[in-house]
Amino acid sequence: MLPFRWYKKALPIWIRALLFALVAPGAVAVLFPYILLSLDWEWERLELGTVRFLGLPFLLTGGLGYLGCLREFVARGRGTPSPFDPPQNLVTAGLYRFVRNPMYVTVGCFLIGEILFFESLILLVFLLFLWLDFHLFIVFYEEPTLKRTFGLAYDEYLQKVPRWIPRLRG
């Protein structure tokens, strides 16, 4: 963590959070799909016709939802989603009232929008691989780290809020 001390002192928290958003979710939700769609592979298209435009609300919801989560991390958590600059407070407001991992869910929602809009089977395979990766990261790293960091407050949160499928009431 030593090389990142300058980063915390030199940049305001909002800038650090936005930089992380550009690097991690930006790569996963924009750069990698762009690369996959640019490759000249012989993948079948989904051929959805006008249904493909249903992807636009998913793109909008995913993008705005992620920005809302980022705001909660900065304003309430006093940190960023980066493991090098984590929140100081447990964030349970905003979308975190409905699902424990809304950042991952909103990135997935954005990718569903891309799958539909670009009628892309390869992006569907990418999303399935990514979801497995997210799940393993959460179960084996993120949840144990949050339990150590926030203790009983996180244990209570685990009991009240589901990991993946959002509940309807906050």
Protein backbone atom coordinates (compact mmCIF):
# COMPACT_ATOMS: atom_id res chain seq x y z
CA MET A 1 0.00 0.00 0.00
CA LEU A 2 3.01 2.30 0.42
CA PRO A 3 3.15 3.49 -3.23
CA PHE A 4 -0.45 4.71 -2.96
CA ARG A 5 0.11 7.17 -0.10
CA TRP A 6 0.90 10.03 -2.51
CA TYR A 7 -2.30 9.24 -4.39
CA LYS A 8 -4.47 9.80 -1.31
CA LYS A 9 -2.73 13.03 -0.35
CA ALA A 10 -2.48 14.55 -3.82
CA LEU A 11 -5.97 13.92 -5.17
CA PRO A 12 -9.39 14.72 -3.71
CA ILE A 13 -11.57 11.70 -2.94
CA TRP A 14 -14.00 12.42 -5.83
CA ILE A 15 -11.16 12.43 -8.33
CA ARG A 16 -9.76 9.18 -6.90
CA ALA A 17 -13.19 7.55 -7.15
CA LEU A 18 -13.68 8.71 -10.75
CA LEU A 19 -10.20 7.51 -11.72
CA PHE A 20 -10.99 4.09 -10.29
CA ALA A 21 -14.31 4.05 -12.20
CA LEU A 22 -12.50 4.79 -15.44
CA VAL A 23 -9.90 2.09 -14.86
CA ALA A 24 -11.79 -0.90 -13.42
CA PRO A 25 -15.48 -0.76 -14.41
CA GLY A 26 -14.58 1.33 -17.46
CA ALA A 27 -12.33 -1.43 -18.72
CA VAL A 28 -14.82 -4.19 -17.88
CA ALA A 29 -17.93 -2.48 -19.25
CA VAL A 30 -16.51 -0.47 -22.16
CA LEU A 31 -12.97 -1.39 -23.21
CA PHE A 32 -13.21 -5.20 -23.08
CA PRO A 33 -16.60 -5.32 -24.85
CA TYR A 34 -15.22 -2.95 -27.50
CA ILE A 35 -12.24 -5.24 -28.03
CA LEU A 36 -14.43 -8.36 -28.13
CA LEU A 37 -16.80 -6.74 -30.62
CA SER A 38 -13.86 -5.55 -32.75
CA LEU A 39 -12.31 -8.98 -33.11
CA ASP A 40 -13.08 -10.72 -36.36
CA TRP A 41 -14.43 -13.89 -34.77
CA GLU A 42 -17.16 -15.92 -36.38
CA TRP A 43 -19.66 -15.66 -33.52
CA GLU A 44 -23.33 -15.88 -34.31
CA ARG A 45 -25.36 -12.74 -33.71
CA LEU A 46 -28.47 -12.94 -31.59
CA GLU A 47 -30.64 -11.34 -34.34
CA LEU A 48 -33.04 -9.56 -32.00
CA GLY A 49 -34.43 -7.06 -34.47
CA THR A 50 -36.03 -4.05 -32.81
CA VAL A 51 -35.87 -5.82 -29.43
CA ARG A 52 -32.21 -4.82 -29.41
CA PHE A 53 -33.28 -1.31 -28.42
CA LEU A 54 -34.39 -2.68 -25.05
CA GLY A 55 -30.66 -2.64 -24.32
CA LEU A 56 -30.69 1.16 -24.08
CA PRO A 57 -32.61 1.32 -20.77
CA PHE A 58 -30.23 -1.31 -19.35
CA LEU A 59 -27.25 0.80 -20.42
CA LEU A 60 -28.73 3.91 -18.85
CA THR A 61 -29.79 2.14 -15.65
CA GLY A 62 -26.42 0.44 -15.27
CA GLY A 63 -24.44 3.61 -15.86
CA LEU A 64 -26.52 5.84 -13.60
CA GLY A 65 -26.74 3.13 -10.95
CA TYR A 66 -22.98 2.78 -10.86
CA LEU A 67 -22.53 6.54 -10.51
CA GLY A 68 -25.04 6.53 -7.64
CA CYS A 69 -23.05 3.79 -5.89
CA LEU A 70 -19.85 5.74 -6.43
CA ARG A 71 -21.47 8.78 -4.83
CA GLU A 72 -22.47 6.72 -1.78
CA PHE A 73 -18.93 5.38 -1.43
CA VAL A 74 -17.48 8.88 -1.46
CA ALA A 75 -20.15 10.72 0.55
CA ARG A 76 -21.03 8.12 3.18
CA GLY A 77 -18.17 5.66 3.05
CA ARG A 78 -15.41 8.26 2.86
CA GLY A 79 -13.46 6.18 0.36
CA THR A 80 -13.51 4.67 -3.10
CA PRO A 81 -14.29 1.19 -4.45
CA SER A 82 -10.56 0.59 -4.92
CA PRO A 83 -9.01 -1.98 -2.55
CA PHE A 84 -6.12 0.52 -2.17
CA ASP A 85 -8.46 3.30 -1.03
CA PRO A 86 -11.44 1.55 0.62
CA PRO A 87 -14.30 3.27 2.41
CA GLN A 88 -13.81 4.10 6.08
CA ASN A 89 -17.51 3.57 6.88
CA LEU A 90 -19.81 0.69 5.91
CA VAL A 91 -22.11 1.88 3.12
CA THR A 92 -25.69 0.65 3.53
CA ALA A 93 -27.60 3.53 1.93
CA GLY A 94 -28.72 4.14 -1.65
CA LEU A 95 -28.77 0.97 -3.75
CA TYR A 96 -26.90 -0.79 -0.94
CA ARG A 97 -30.25 -0.98 0.93
CA PHE A 98 -31.53 -3.36 -1.73
CA VAL A 99 -28.52 -5.50 -2.67
CA ARG A 100 -25.06 -5.94 -1.12
CA ASN A 101 -23.15 -5.65 -4.38
CA PRO A 102 -24.89 -3.00 -6.45
CA MET A 103 -21.72 -1.91 -8.24
CA TYR A 104 -21.30 -5.39 -9.68
CA VAL A 105 -25.04 -5.60 -10.43
CA THR A 106 -25.01 -2.24 -12.24
CA VAL A 107 -21.96 -3.23 -14.31
CA GLY A 108 -23.80 -6.46 -15.18
CA CYS A 109 -26.89 -4.44 -16.10
CA PHE A 110 -24.76 -2.26 -18.37
CA LEU A 111 -23.32 -5.37 -20.04
CA ILE A 112 -26.83 -6.80 -20.55
CA GLY A 113 -27.63 -3.56 -22.34
CA GLU A 114 -24.61 -4.03 -24.58
CA ILE A 115 -25.51 -7.68 -25.24
CA LEU A 116 -29.00 -6.67 -26.36
CA PHE A 117 -28.05 -3.54 -28.29
CA PHE A 118 -25.14 -5.13 -30.16
CA GLU A 119 -26.93 -8.51 -30.43
CA SER A 120 -23.75 -10.13 -29.22
CA LEU A 121 -23.38 -13.73 -28.12
CA ILE A 122 -19.70 -13.22 -27.30
CA LEU A 123 -20.62 -10.48 -24.82
CA LEU A 124 -23.10 -12.87 -23.21
CA VAL A 125 -20.31 -15.40 -22.71
CA PHE A 126 -18.10 -12.59 -21.37
CA LEU A 127 -20.83 -11.58 -18.88
CA LEU A 128 -21.20 -15.16 -17.61
CA PHE A 129 -17.44 -15.47 -17.14
CA LEU A 130 -17.32 -12.06 -15.47
CA TRP A 131 -20.19 -12.87 -13.10
CA LEU A 132 -18.36 -16.03 -11.97
CA ASP A 133 -15.22 -13.96 -11.44
CA PHE A 134 -17.17 -11.33 -9.46
CA HIS A 135 -18.82 -14.01 -7.33
CA LEU A 136 -15.53 -15.70 -6.44
CA PHE A 137 -13.88 -12.37 -5.66
CA ILE A 138 -16.74 -11.36 -3.37
CA VAL A 139 -16.98 -14.69 -1.55
CA PHE A 140 -13.25 -15.27 -1.05
CA TYR A 141 -11.88 -11.73 -0.69
CA GLU A 142 -14.41 -8.95 -0.31
CA GLU A 143 -16.82 -10.42 2.23
CA PRO A 144 -14.08 -11.74 4.58
CA THR A 145 -12.31 -8.37 4.35
CA LEU A 146 -15.50 -6.46 5.15
CA LYS A 147 -16.22 -8.78 8.09
CA ARG A 148 -12.76 -8.07 9.52
CA THR A 149 -13.09 -4.35 8.89
CA PHE A 150 -16.66 -3.66 10.02
CA GLY A 151 -17.38 -6.63 12.32
CA LEU A 152 -20.87 -6.92 13.78
CA ALA A 153 -22.29 -4.11 11.63
CA TYR A 154 -21.37 -6.06 8.49
CA ASP A 155 -22.72 -9.33 9.94
CA GLU A 156 -26.08 -7.63 10.55
CA TYR A 157 -26.01 -6.20 7.03
CA LEU A 158 -25.35 -9.70 5.63
CA GLN A 159 -28.47 -10.98 7.37
CA LYS A 160 -30.70 -8.20 6.04
CA VAL A 161 -29.58 -7.61 2.45
CA PRO A 162 -29.14 -10.24 -0.31
CA ARG A 163 -25.87 -10.61 -2.22
CA TRP A 164 -27.13 -10.61 -5.84
CA ILE A 165 -30.88 -10.43 -6.30
CA PRO A 166 -32.14 -7.01 -5.12
CA ARG A 167 -34.97 -7.04 -2.63
CA LEU A 168 -37.91 -4.81 -3.42
CA ARG A 169 -38.00 -2.89 -0.12
CA GLY A 170 -35.14 -0.94 1.38
